[in-house]
Amino acid sequence: MSKTAFLFPGQGSQYVGMGKDLYEQDARARTIFEQADAIIGFPLSGICFEGPEEELRQTKNTQPAIFLHSIVLSTLYRGEPAAMAAGHSLGEYSALVYAGALAFEDGLRLVRLRGELMQQAGIEQPGTMAAVVGLDAGTVGEVCCEAWPVGMVQAANFNSPGQIVISGAVAGVRKAMELAKARGAKMVKELPVSGAFHS
């Protein structure tokens, strides 16, 4: 017998319009979005639905927005309840709420505070992240070492063989992106985040 597992996403998976269709089509989704707006005292749902993108990309908004969207989706899921849940970075909080280890209200408040603190850290020490596809871990490590004199950069997330996320100072990450392309990376893409997370 197969079992279902939920894997909740982290920052970088946000997009303007996220959850708007769910809000418009399902009363349960509407209730959760409205409850979230009331808990944190501002219209998070409006930022999810309408943006602007620059506002949604701010970590203090991105993290609760992704968390909220994840909880709405998992609530509306019509299949067999997941036997297990896990999450990547921010997604760990969504997984804890789904598993019943943390109340939705507490999870939302924690994620909002986490986002505010991480955004402040990003202001004090600006940084970014980029996905590198098609290079092995050793080559990505070499690229980061070569880029380091321009600005601190390191491999931060080993998402799968051939898909590694680098993180660090903006100049260092961008230099590493150039070097990775020159080394034959299939794709190099800066992520829509406001800090050097996981570095």
N, C-alpha and C. Protein backbone atom coordinates (compact mmCIF):
# COMPACT_ATOMS: atom_id res chain seq x y z
N MET A 1 0.83 -1.18 0.00
CA MET A 1 0.00 0.00 0.00
C MET A 1 0.88 1.25 0.00
N SER A 2 0.66 2.13 -0.94
CA SER A 2 1.46 3.36 -1.01
C SER A 2 0.89 4.39 -0.04
N LYS A 3 1.76 5.27 0.41
CA LYS A 3 1.37 6.33 1.32
C LYS A 3 1.71 7.67 0.69
N THR A 4 0.95 8.68 1.07
CA THR A 4 1.16 10.03 0.56
C THR A 4 2.04 10.80 1.53
N ALA A 5 2.97 11.58 0.97
CA ALA A 5 3.80 12.49 1.76
C ALA A 5 3.68 13.87 1.16
N PHE A 6 3.63 14.89 1.99
CA PHE A 6 3.63 16.26 1.53
C PHE A 6 5.02 16.86 1.77
N LEU A 7 5.55 17.51 0.75
CA LEU A 7 6.81 18.23 0.86
C LEU A 7 6.50 19.69 0.56
N PHE A 8 6.61 20.54 1.58
CA PHE A 8 6.23 21.94 1.46
C PHE A 8 7.41 22.79 1.00
N PRO A 9 7.15 23.78 0.11
CA PRO A 9 8.23 24.59 -0.46
C PRO A 9 8.71 25.68 0.47
N GLY A 10 9.89 26.18 0.13
CA GLY A 10 10.46 27.32 0.84
C GLY A 10 10.40 28.58 0.00
N GLN A 11 11.12 29.58 0.46
CA GLN A 11 11.11 30.87 -0.21
C GLN A 11 11.67 30.75 -1.62
N GLY A 12 11.10 31.53 -2.51
CA GLY A 12 11.50 31.50 -3.91
C GLY A 12 10.41 30.94 -4.79
N SER A 13 9.41 30.31 -4.18
CA SER A 13 8.31 29.71 -4.95
C SER A 13 7.10 30.63 -5.04
N GLN A 14 7.21 31.84 -4.54
CA GLN A 14 6.09 32.78 -4.54
C GLN A 14 5.85 33.36 -5.94
N TYR A 15 4.63 33.79 -6.18
CA TYR A 15 4.29 34.50 -7.41
C TYR A 15 3.03 35.33 -7.17
N VAL A 16 2.95 36.46 -7.83
CA VAL A 16 1.77 37.32 -7.69
C VAL A 16 0.58 36.57 -8.27
N GLY A 17 -0.50 36.53 -7.51
CA GLY A 17 -1.71 35.81 -7.90
C GLY A 17 -1.86 34.49 -7.17
N MET A 18 -0.87 34.13 -6.35
CA MET A 18 -0.92 32.85 -5.66
C MET A 18 -2.13 32.78 -4.72
N GLY A 19 -2.94 31.77 -4.92
CA GLY A 19 -4.08 31.52 -4.06
C GLY A 19 -5.34 32.28 -4.42
N LYS A 20 -5.27 33.21 -5.37
CA LYS A 20 -6.45 34.02 -5.69
C LYS A 20 -7.59 33.16 -6.21
N ASP A 21 -7.27 32.20 -7.08
CA ASP A 21 -8.31 31.31 -7.62
C ASP A 21 -8.95 30.48 -6.51
N LEU A 22 -8.13 30.04 -5.56
CA LEU A 22 -8.64 29.25 -4.44
C LEU A 22 -9.58 30.10 -3.57
N TYR A 23 -9.15 31.32 -3.30
CA TYR A 23 -9.96 32.25 -2.51
C TYR A 23 -11.32 32.48 -3.16
N GLU A 24 -11.31 32.66 -4.47
CA GLU A 24 -12.54 32.97 -5.19
C GLU A 24 -13.47 31.76 -5.34
N GLN A 25 -12.91 30.55 -5.30
CA GLN A 25 -13.70 29.35 -5.60
C GLN A 25 -14.07 28.50 -4.39
N ASP A 26 -13.45 28.74 -3.25
CA ASP A 26 -13.68 27.84 -2.12
C ASP A 26 -13.81 28.61 -0.82
N ALA A 27 -14.91 28.40 -0.12
CA ALA A 27 -15.17 29.12 1.13
C ALA A 27 -14.13 28.79 2.21
N ARG A 28 -13.63 27.53 2.21
CA ARG A 28 -12.61 27.17 3.21
C ARG A 28 -11.34 27.98 2.99
N ALA A 29 -10.95 28.12 1.74
CA ALA A 29 -9.76 28.92 1.42
C ALA A 29 -9.97 30.37 1.83
N ARG A 30 -11.14 30.90 1.51
CA ARG A 30 -11.47 32.29 1.86
C ARG A 30 -11.35 32.49 3.37
N THR A 31 -11.87 31.56 4.14
CA THR A 31 -11.81 31.67 5.60
C THR A 31 -10.37 31.70 6.10
N ILE A 32 -9.52 30.84 5.54
CA ILE A 32 -8.12 30.78 5.99
C ILE A 32 -7.38 32.07 5.63
N PHE A 33 -7.56 32.56 4.41
CA PHE A 33 -6.92 33.81 4.01
C PHE A 33 -7.38 34.97 4.90
N GLU A 34 -8.67 35.06 5.16
CA GLU A 34 -9.20 36.15 5.99
C GLU A 34 -8.72 36.02 7.44
N GLN A 35 -8.63 34.80 7.93
CA GLN A 35 -8.12 34.56 9.28
C GLN A 35 -6.66 35.01 9.37
N ALA A 36 -5.88 34.71 8.34
CA ALA A 36 -4.46 35.10 8.34
C ALA A 36 -4.33 36.62 8.35
N ASP A 37 -5.12 37.31 7.54
CA ASP A 37 -5.08 38.78 7.53
C ASP A 37 -5.37 39.34 8.92
N ALA A 38 -6.34 38.76 9.61
CA ALA A 38 -6.71 39.23 10.95
C ALA A 38 -5.61 38.94 11.97
N ILE A 39 -4.98 37.77 11.87
CA ILE A 39 -3.95 37.37 12.83
C ILE A 39 -2.75 38.30 12.77
N ILE A 40 -2.29 38.62 11.55
CA ILE A 40 -1.08 39.44 11.46
C ILE A 40 -1.37 40.92 11.27
N GLY A 41 -2.65 41.28 11.14
CA GLY A 41 -3.04 42.68 11.16
C GLY A 41 -2.76 43.48 9.90
N PHE A 42 -2.61 42.82 8.79
CA PHE A 42 -2.51 43.54 7.51
C PHE A 42 -2.96 42.61 6.40
N PRO A 43 -3.31 43.15 5.23
CA PRO A 43 -3.89 42.33 4.15
C PRO A 43 -2.85 41.51 3.38
N LEU A 44 -2.36 40.46 4.01
CA LEU A 44 -1.43 39.55 3.35
C LEU A 44 -2.06 38.96 2.09
N SER A 45 -3.34 38.66 2.15
CA SER A 45 -4.02 38.08 0.98
C SER A 45 -3.94 39.03 -0.21
N GLY A 46 -4.05 40.32 0.02
CA GLY A 46 -3.95 41.29 -1.06
C GLY A 46 -2.59 41.27 -1.72
N ILE A 47 -1.54 41.12 -0.92
CA ILE A 47 -0.18 41.04 -1.48
C ILE A 47 -0.03 39.75 -2.28
N CYS A 48 -0.60 38.64 -1.77
CA CYS A 48 -0.56 37.37 -2.51
C CYS A 48 -1.26 37.50 -3.87
N PHE A 49 -2.43 38.11 -3.85
CA PHE A 49 -3.29 38.14 -5.04
C PHE A 49 -2.87 39.21 -6.04
N GLU A 50 -2.50 40.39 -5.55
CA GLU A 50 -2.29 41.54 -6.43
C GLU A 50 -0.86 42.06 -6.47
N GLY A 51 -0.04 41.65 -5.51
CA GLY A 51 1.32 42.17 -5.45
C GLY A 51 1.33 43.56 -4.85
N PRO A 52 2.18 44.44 -5.36
CA PRO A 52 3.08 44.23 -6.48
C PRO A 52 4.18 43.22 -6.16
N GLU A 53 4.82 42.73 -7.22
CA GLU A 53 5.83 41.69 -7.04
C GLU A 53 6.93 42.11 -6.06
N GLU A 54 7.35 43.37 -6.14
CA GLU A 54 8.41 43.84 -5.24
C GLU A 54 7.98 43.74 -3.78
N GLU A 55 6.72 43.97 -3.51
CA GLU A 55 6.20 43.84 -2.15
C GLU A 55 6.15 42.37 -1.73
N LEU A 56 5.73 41.51 -2.62
CA LEU A 56 5.67 40.07 -2.32
C LEU A 56 7.06 39.49 -2.12
N ARG A 57 8.06 40.02 -2.83
CA ARG A 57 9.43 39.52 -2.72
C ARG A 57 10.11 39.89 -1.41
N GLN A 58 9.54 40.83 -0.68
CA GLN A 58 10.14 41.19 0.61
C GLN A 58 9.96 40.00 1.55
N THR A 59 11.04 39.57 2.12
CA THR A 59 11.04 38.36 2.95
C THR A 59 9.98 38.39 4.04
N LYS A 60 9.74 39.55 4.63
CA LYS A 60 8.74 39.65 5.70
C LYS A 60 7.35 39.31 5.18
N ASN A 61 7.11 39.46 3.87
CA ASN A 61 5.84 39.11 3.25
C ASN A 61 5.89 37.75 2.56
N THR A 62 7.02 37.46 1.93
CA THR A 62 7.16 36.21 1.18
C THR A 62 6.93 34.99 2.06
N GLN A 63 7.57 34.99 3.21
CA GLN A 63 7.50 33.80 4.05
C GLN A 63 6.09 33.52 4.55
N PRO A 64 5.37 34.50 5.12
CA PRO A 64 4.00 34.19 5.52
C PRO A 64 3.09 33.90 4.32
N ALA A 65 3.38 34.50 3.16
CA ALA A 65 2.55 34.24 1.97
C ALA A 65 2.68 32.80 1.51
N ILE A 66 3.90 32.29 1.44
CA ILE A 66 4.11 30.90 1.01
C ILE A 66 3.55 29.94 2.06
N PHE A 67 3.78 30.24 3.32
CA PHE A 67 3.23 29.43 4.40
C PHE A 67 1.71 29.36 4.28
N LEU A 68 1.08 30.51 4.11
CA LEU A 68 -0.38 30.58 4.01
C LEU A 68 -0.88 29.78 2.80
N HIS A 69 -0.26 29.97 1.67
CA HIS A 69 -0.65 29.25 0.46
C HIS A 69 -0.51 27.74 0.66
N SER A 70 0.56 27.32 1.30
CA SER A 70 0.77 25.89 1.56
C SER A 70 -0.31 25.32 2.46
N ILE A 71 -0.68 26.07 3.50
CA ILE A 71 -1.72 25.58 4.41
C ILE A 71 -3.06 25.51 3.70
N VAL A 72 -3.37 26.51 2.88
CA VAL A 72 -4.62 26.48 2.12
C VAL A 72 -4.65 25.27 1.20
N LEU A 73 -3.57 25.05 0.44
CA LEU A 73 -3.54 23.92 -0.49
C LEU A 73 -3.67 22.58 0.23
N SER A 74 -2.95 22.44 1.34
CA SER A 74 -3.03 21.16 2.06
C SER A 74 -4.41 20.96 2.69
N THR A 75 -5.08 22.04 3.06
CA THR A 75 -6.44 21.95 3.61
C THR A 75 -7.44 21.53 2.54
N LEU A 76 -7.25 22.02 1.34
CA LEU A 76 -8.19 21.74 0.25
C LEU A 76 -7.91 20.40 -0.45
N TYR A 77 -6.76 19.81 -0.18
CA TYR A 77 -6.40 18.54 -0.83
C TYR A 77 -7.47 17.49 -0.55
N ARG A 78 -7.94 16.84 -1.61
CA ARG A 78 -9.07 15.91 -1.47
C ARG A 78 -8.64 14.45 -1.38
N GLY A 79 -7.37 14.17 -1.53
CA GLY A 79 -6.91 12.79 -1.48
C GLY A 79 -6.75 12.29 -0.06
N GLU A 80 -6.15 11.14 0.05
CA GLU A 80 -5.87 10.54 1.36
C GLU A 80 -4.95 11.47 2.15
N PRO A 81 -5.21 11.67 3.44
CA PRO A 81 -4.31 12.52 4.23
C PRO A 81 -2.87 12.01 4.15
N ALA A 82 -1.95 12.94 4.14
CA ALA A 82 -0.54 12.56 4.06
C ALA A 82 -0.12 11.81 5.31
N ALA A 83 0.64 10.75 5.11
CA ALA A 83 1.15 9.97 6.23
C ALA A 83 2.35 10.65 6.86
N MET A 84 2.97 11.54 6.10
CA MET A 84 4.14 12.26 6.61
C MET A 84 4.25 13.59 5.89
N ALA A 85 4.94 14.53 6.53
CA ALA A 85 5.13 15.85 5.95
C ALA A 85 6.53 16.34 6.25
N ALA A 86 7.10 17.04 5.30
CA ALA A 86 8.43 17.63 5.46
C ALA A 86 8.42 18.95 4.71
N GLY A 87 9.42 19.76 4.94
CA GLY A 87 9.48 21.03 4.26
C GLY A 87 10.90 21.50 4.08
N HIS A 88 11.09 22.30 3.05
CA HIS A 88 12.39 22.88 2.78
C HIS A 88 12.45 24.27 3.40
N SER A 89 13.33 24.45 4.37
CA SER A 89 13.52 25.74 5.02
C SER A 89 12.20 26.25 5.60
N LEU A 90 11.65 27.32 5.08
CA LEU A 90 10.36 27.84 5.53
C LEU A 90 9.29 26.75 5.53
N GLY A 91 9.35 25.84 4.57
CA GLY A 91 8.36 24.78 4.46
C GLY A 91 8.28 23.87 5.68
N GLU A 92 9.32 23.88 6.49
CA GLU A 92 9.29 23.09 7.73
C GLU A 92 8.14 23.54 8.63
N TYR A 93 7.87 24.85 8.64
CA TYR A 93 6.78 25.37 9.47
C TYR A 93 5.43 24.90 8.93
N SER A 94 5.27 24.90 7.62
CA SER A 94 4.04 24.40 7.00
C SER A 94 3.84 22.93 7.34
N ALA A 95 4.92 22.17 7.29
CA ALA A 95 4.85 20.75 7.61
C ALA A 95 4.45 20.53 9.07
N LEU A 96 4.99 21.34 9.97
CA LEU A 96 4.65 21.22 11.39
C LEU A 96 3.18 21.52 11.64
N VAL A 97 2.66 22.52 10.95
CA VAL A 97 1.24 22.85 11.10
C VAL A 97 0.39 21.73 10.50
N TYR A 98 0.75 21.25 9.33
CA TYR A 98 -0.01 20.17 8.71
C TYR A 98 -0.04 18.93 9.61
N ALA A 99 1.09 18.65 10.25
CA ALA A 99 1.19 17.47 11.12
C ALA A 99 0.51 17.66 12.47
N GLY A 100 0.08 18.88 12.77
CA GLY A 100 -0.60 19.13 14.03
C GLY A 100 0.33 19.41 15.19
N ALA A 101 1.62 19.60 14.90
CA ALA A 101 2.59 19.88 15.96
C ALA A 101 2.63 21.36 16.34
N LEU A 102 2.03 22.19 15.50
CA LEU A 102 2.03 23.62 15.71
C LEU A 102 0.68 24.16 15.21
N ALA A 103 0.08 25.03 15.99
CA ALA A 103 -1.20 25.63 15.58
C ALA A 103 -0.97 26.59 14.41
N PHE A 104 -1.95 26.70 13.53
CA PHE A 104 -1.86 27.59 12.38
C PHE A 104 -1.51 29.01 12.81
N GLU A 105 -2.20 29.52 13.83
CA GLU A 105 -1.99 30.89 14.29
C GLU A 105 -0.56 31.10 14.76
N ASP A 106 -0.05 30.14 15.55
CA ASP A 106 1.33 30.24 16.04
C ASP A 106 2.32 30.13 14.89
N GLY A 107 2.07 29.23 13.96
CA GLY A 107 2.95 29.07 12.80
C GLY A 107 3.02 30.35 11.98
N LEU A 108 1.88 30.96 11.75
CA LEU A 108 1.84 32.19 10.96
C LEU A 108 2.61 33.31 11.65
N ARG A 109 2.40 33.46 12.96
CA ARG A 109 3.12 34.51 13.70
C ARG A 109 4.63 34.25 13.69
N LEU A 110 5.03 32.99 13.88
CA LEU A 110 6.45 32.65 13.86
C LEU A 110 7.08 32.93 12.50
N VAL A 111 6.37 32.55 11.45
CA VAL A 111 6.89 32.74 10.10
C VAL A 111 6.99 34.22 9.77
N ARG A 112 6.02 35.01 10.21
CA ARG A 112 6.09 36.46 9.99
C ARG A 112 7.30 37.04 10.70
N LEU A 113 7.51 36.66 11.97
CA LEU A 113 8.67 37.16 12.72
C LEU A 113 9.97 36.68 12.07
N ARG A 114 10.01 35.43 11.67
CA ARG A 114 11.19 34.88 11.00
C ARG A 114 11.51 35.70 9.74
N GLY A 115 10.48 36.00 8.96
CA GLY A 115 10.66 36.79 7.74
C GLY A 115 11.16 38.20 8.04
N GLU A 116 10.62 38.82 9.07
CA GLU A 116 11.06 40.17 9.44
C GLU A 116 12.53 40.17 9.86
N LEU A 117 12.92 39.19 10.67
CA LEU A 117 14.30 39.11 11.14
C LEU A 117 15.26 38.80 10.00
N MET A 118 14.86 37.90 9.11
CA MET A 118 15.71 37.57 7.97
C MET A 118 15.82 38.75 7.01
N GLN A 119 14.74 39.50 6.85
CA GLN A 119 14.80 40.68 5.99
C GLN A 119 15.75 41.71 6.58
N GLN A 120 15.68 41.91 7.89
CA GLN A 120 16.59 42.86 8.54
C GLN A 120 18.04 42.42 8.36
N ALA A 121 18.29 41.12 8.49
CA ALA A 121 19.65 40.61 8.28
C ALA A 121 20.10 40.88 6.85
N GLY A 122 19.17 40.75 5.89
CA GLY A 122 19.49 41.01 4.49
C GLY A 122 19.77 42.48 4.22
N ILE A 123 19.15 43.36 4.97
CA ILE A 123 19.41 44.80 4.83
C ILE A 123 20.80 45.10 5.38
N GLU A 124 21.11 44.52 6.53
CA GLU A 124 22.40 44.76 7.16
C GLU A 124 23.55 44.14 6.38
N GLN A 125 23.28 43.00 5.73
CA GLN A 125 24.31 42.29 4.96
C GLN A 125 23.66 41.80 3.66
N PRO A 126 23.56 42.65 2.64
CA PRO A 126 22.85 42.27 1.41
C PRO A 126 23.41 41.00 0.76
N GLY A 127 22.51 40.20 0.24
CA GLY A 127 22.92 38.97 -0.41
C GLY A 127 21.83 38.45 -1.32
N THR A 128 22.13 37.36 -2.00
CA THR A 128 21.18 36.74 -2.91
C THR A 128 21.50 35.25 -3.05
N MET A 129 20.73 34.57 -3.87
CA MET A 129 20.93 33.14 -4.12
C MET A 129 20.72 32.88 -5.61
N ALA A 130 21.28 31.78 -6.09
CA ALA A 130 21.08 31.39 -7.49
C ALA A 130 21.11 29.88 -7.60
N ALA A 131 20.26 29.37 -8.48
CA ALA A 131 20.24 27.93 -8.77
C ALA A 131 21.21 27.64 -9.90
N VAL A 132 22.00 26.59 -9.74
CA VAL A 132 22.94 26.15 -10.76
C VAL A 132 22.55 24.73 -11.14
N VAL A 133 22.23 24.54 -12.42
CA VAL A 133 21.79 23.24 -12.90
C VAL A 133 22.82 22.68 -13.88
N GLY A 134 23.18 21.43 -13.67
CA GLY A 134 24.03 20.74 -14.64
C GLY A 134 25.51 20.69 -14.30
N LEU A 135 25.88 21.11 -13.10
CA LEU A 135 27.26 20.97 -12.66
C LEU A 135 27.30 20.13 -11.39
N ASP A 136 28.37 19.38 -11.21
CA ASP A 136 28.49 18.56 -10.00
C ASP A 136 28.94 19.44 -8.83
N ALA A 137 28.84 18.88 -7.64
CA ALA A 137 29.13 19.64 -6.42
C ALA A 137 30.58 20.14 -6.40
N GLY A 138 31.51 19.33 -6.86
CA GLY A 138 32.91 19.75 -6.87
C GLY A 138 33.14 20.96 -7.75
N THR A 139 32.53 20.97 -8.93
CA THR A 139 32.69 22.10 -9.85
C THR A 139 32.03 23.35 -9.28
N VAL A 140 30.86 23.20 -8.69
CA VAL A 140 30.20 24.36 -8.07
C VAL A 140 31.07 24.91 -6.94
N GLY A 141 31.67 24.03 -6.16
CA GLY A 141 32.58 24.47 -5.10
C GLY A 141 33.77 25.23 -5.64
N GLU A 142 34.33 24.75 -6.75
CA GLU A 142 35.45 25.45 -7.38
C GLU A 142 35.03 26.83 -7.88
N VAL A 143 33.86 26.90 -8.51
CA VAL A 143 33.33 28.17 -9.01
C VAL A 143 33.17 29.17 -7.86
N CYS A 144 32.65 28.70 -6.74
CA CYS A 144 32.46 29.58 -5.58
C CYS A 144 33.81 30.08 -5.06
N CYS A 145 34.79 29.19 -5.01
CA CYS A 145 36.13 29.60 -4.56
C CYS A 145 36.72 30.65 -5.48
N GLU A 146 36.55 30.48 -6.79
CA GLU A 146 37.08 31.45 -7.76
C GLU A 146 36.36 32.79 -7.64
N ALA A 147 35.10 32.78 -7.30
CA ALA A 147 34.31 34.02 -7.20
C ALA A 147 34.50 34.71 -5.85
N TRP A 148 34.98 33.99 -4.85
CA TRP A 148 35.07 34.50 -3.49
C TRP A 148 35.78 35.85 -3.37
N PRO A 149 36.87 36.12 -4.11
CA PRO A 149 37.51 37.44 -3.98
C PRO A 149 36.59 38.62 -4.33
N VAL A 150 35.57 38.37 -5.14
CA VAL A 150 34.61 39.41 -5.51
C VAL A 150 33.59 39.61 -4.39
N GLY A 151 33.25 38.52 -3.71
CA GLY A 151 32.28 38.56 -2.62
C GLY A 151 32.00 37.15 -2.14
N MET A 152 31.75 37.00 -0.85
CA MET A 152 31.51 35.69 -0.26
C MET A 152 30.39 34.96 -1.00
N VAL A 153 30.63 33.70 -1.35
CA VAL A 153 29.62 32.86 -1.99
C VAL A 153 29.95 31.40 -1.70
N GLN A 154 28.92 30.60 -1.49
CA GLN A 154 29.12 29.19 -1.20
C GLN A 154 27.93 28.37 -1.66
N ALA A 155 28.15 27.08 -1.83
CA ALA A 155 27.05 26.17 -2.11
C ALA A 155 26.22 26.07 -0.83
N ALA A 156 24.92 26.28 -0.96
CA ALA A 156 24.07 26.32 0.23
C ALA A 156 23.07 25.18 0.28
N ASN A 157 22.49 24.83 -0.85
CA ASN A 157 21.46 23.78 -0.88
C ASN A 157 21.80 22.80 -1.99
N PHE A 158 21.95 21.55 -1.61
CA PHE A 158 22.18 20.48 -2.58
C PHE A 158 20.83 19.81 -2.81
N ASN A 159 20.05 20.40 -3.72
CA ASN A 159 18.66 19.98 -3.91
C ASN A 159 18.54 18.63 -4.58
N SER A 160 19.42 18.33 -5.51
CA SER A 160 19.43 17.04 -6.20
C SER A 160 20.76 16.94 -6.94
N PRO A 161 21.12 15.76 -7.39
CA PRO A 161 22.34 15.68 -8.21
C PRO A 161 22.19 16.60 -9.42
N GLY A 162 23.09 17.53 -9.55
CA GLY A 162 23.02 18.43 -10.70
C GLY A 162 22.18 19.67 -10.48
N GLN A 163 21.63 19.89 -9.28
CA GLN A 163 20.86 21.12 -9.00
C GLN A 163 21.28 21.62 -7.63
N ILE A 164 22.13 22.63 -7.64
CA ILE A 164 22.71 23.17 -6.41
C ILE A 164 22.42 24.66 -6.36
N VAL A 165 22.06 25.14 -5.18
CA VAL A 165 21.81 26.57 -4.99
C VAL A 165 23.00 27.17 -4.27
N ILE A 166 23.49 28.29 -4.82
CA ILE A 166 24.58 29.02 -4.19
C ILE A 166 24.01 30.24 -3.50
N SER A 167 24.74 30.75 -2.50
CA SER A 167 24.24 31.84 -1.69
C SER A 167 25.40 32.68 -1.19
N GLY A 168 25.17 34.00 -1.09
CA GLY A 168 26.21 34.86 -0.56
C GLY A 168 26.00 36.30 -0.94
N ALA A 169 27.08 37.06 -0.92
CA ALA A 169 27.04 38.47 -1.30
C ALA A 169 26.60 38.59 -2.76
N VAL A 170 25.89 39.65 -3.07
CA VAL A 170 25.35 39.83 -4.42
C VAL A 170 26.45 39.74 -5.48
N ALA A 171 27.55 40.46 -5.28
CA ALA A 171 28.63 40.45 -6.27
C ALA A 171 29.26 39.06 -6.40
N GLY A 172 29.43 38.37 -5.29
CA GLY A 172 30.02 37.04 -5.33
C GLY A 172 29.14 36.03 -6.04
N VAL A 173 27.84 36.08 -5.75
CA VAL A 173 26.90 35.16 -6.39
C VAL A 173 26.85 35.42 -7.89
N ARG A 174 26.80 36.69 -8.27
CA ARG A 174 26.71 37.00 -9.70
C ARG A 174 28.00 36.61 -10.44
N LYS A 175 29.14 36.77 -9.80
CA LYS A 175 30.40 36.32 -10.41
C LYS A 175 30.40 34.80 -10.54
N ALA A 176 29.94 34.11 -9.51
CA ALA A 176 29.86 32.65 -9.57
C ALA A 176 28.90 32.19 -10.66
N MET A 177 27.83 32.94 -10.86
CA MET A 177 26.88 32.61 -11.93
C MET A 177 27.57 32.68 -13.29
N GLU A 178 28.37 33.73 -13.52
CA GLU A 178 29.13 33.86 -14.78
C GLU A 178 30.08 32.69 -14.95
N LEU A 179 30.80 32.36 -13.89
CA LEU A 179 31.78 31.28 -13.95
C LEU A 179 31.11 29.93 -14.19
N ALA A 180 29.94 29.73 -13.56
CA ALA A 180 29.21 28.47 -13.75
C ALA A 180 28.76 28.32 -15.19
N LYS A 181 28.29 29.41 -15.79
CA LYS A 181 27.89 29.36 -17.20
C LYS A 181 29.09 29.02 -18.07
N ALA A 182 30.24 29.63 -17.76
CA ALA A 182 31.46 29.36 -18.53
C ALA A 182 31.92 27.92 -18.38
N ARG A 183 31.61 27.30 -17.25
CA ARG A 183 31.98 25.90 -17.01
C ARG A 183 30.98 24.91 -17.60
N GLY A 184 29.93 25.42 -18.25
CA GLY A 184 28.99 24.54 -18.94
C GLY A 184 27.71 24.22 -18.20
N ALA A 185 27.34 25.03 -17.20
CA ALA A 185 26.06 24.81 -16.51
C ALA A 185 24.93 24.88 -17.53
N LYS A 186 23.96 23.99 -17.38
CA LYS A 186 22.80 24.00 -18.29
C LYS A 186 21.92 25.20 -18.05
N MET A 187 21.84 25.61 -16.80
CA MET A 187 21.03 26.77 -16.44
C MET A 187 21.59 27.38 -15.16
N VAL A 188 21.60 28.69 -15.11
CA VAL A 188 21.97 29.43 -13.90
C VAL A 188 20.94 30.54 -13.75
N LYS A 189 20.27 30.56 -12.61
CA LYS A 189 19.18 31.53 -12.44
C LYS A 189 19.21 32.11 -11.03
N GLU A 190 19.26 33.43 -10.97
CA GLU A 190 19.17 34.10 -9.67
C GLU A 190 17.76 33.92 -9.13
N LEU A 191 17.64 33.64 -7.85
CA LEU A 191 16.34 33.38 -7.23
C LEU A 191 15.72 34.67 -6.72
N PRO A 192 14.38 34.74 -6.71
CA PRO A 192 13.71 35.95 -6.23
C PRO A 192 13.65 36.01 -4.70
N VAL A 193 14.82 36.18 -4.09
CA VAL A 193 14.92 36.26 -2.63
C VAL A 193 15.63 37.56 -2.26
N SER A 194 15.51 37.93 -1.00
CA SER A 194 16.09 39.19 -0.57
C SER A 194 17.25 39.01 0.39
N GLY A 195 17.85 37.83 0.38
CA GLY A 195 18.98 37.60 1.28
C GLY A 195 19.77 36.38 0.90
N ALA A 196 20.91 36.24 1.55
CA ALA A 196 21.81 35.11 1.30
C ALA A 196 21.44 33.96 2.24
N PHE A 197 20.27 33.41 2.06
CA PHE A 197 19.77 32.38 2.96
C PHE A 197 20.60 31.11 2.87
N HIS A 198 20.70 30.41 3.98
CA HIS A 198 21.40 29.14 4.10
C HIS A 198 22.90 29.27 3.92
N SER A 199 23.43 30.49 3.90
CA SER A 199 24.88 30.65 3.80
C SER A 199 25.45 30.87 5.19
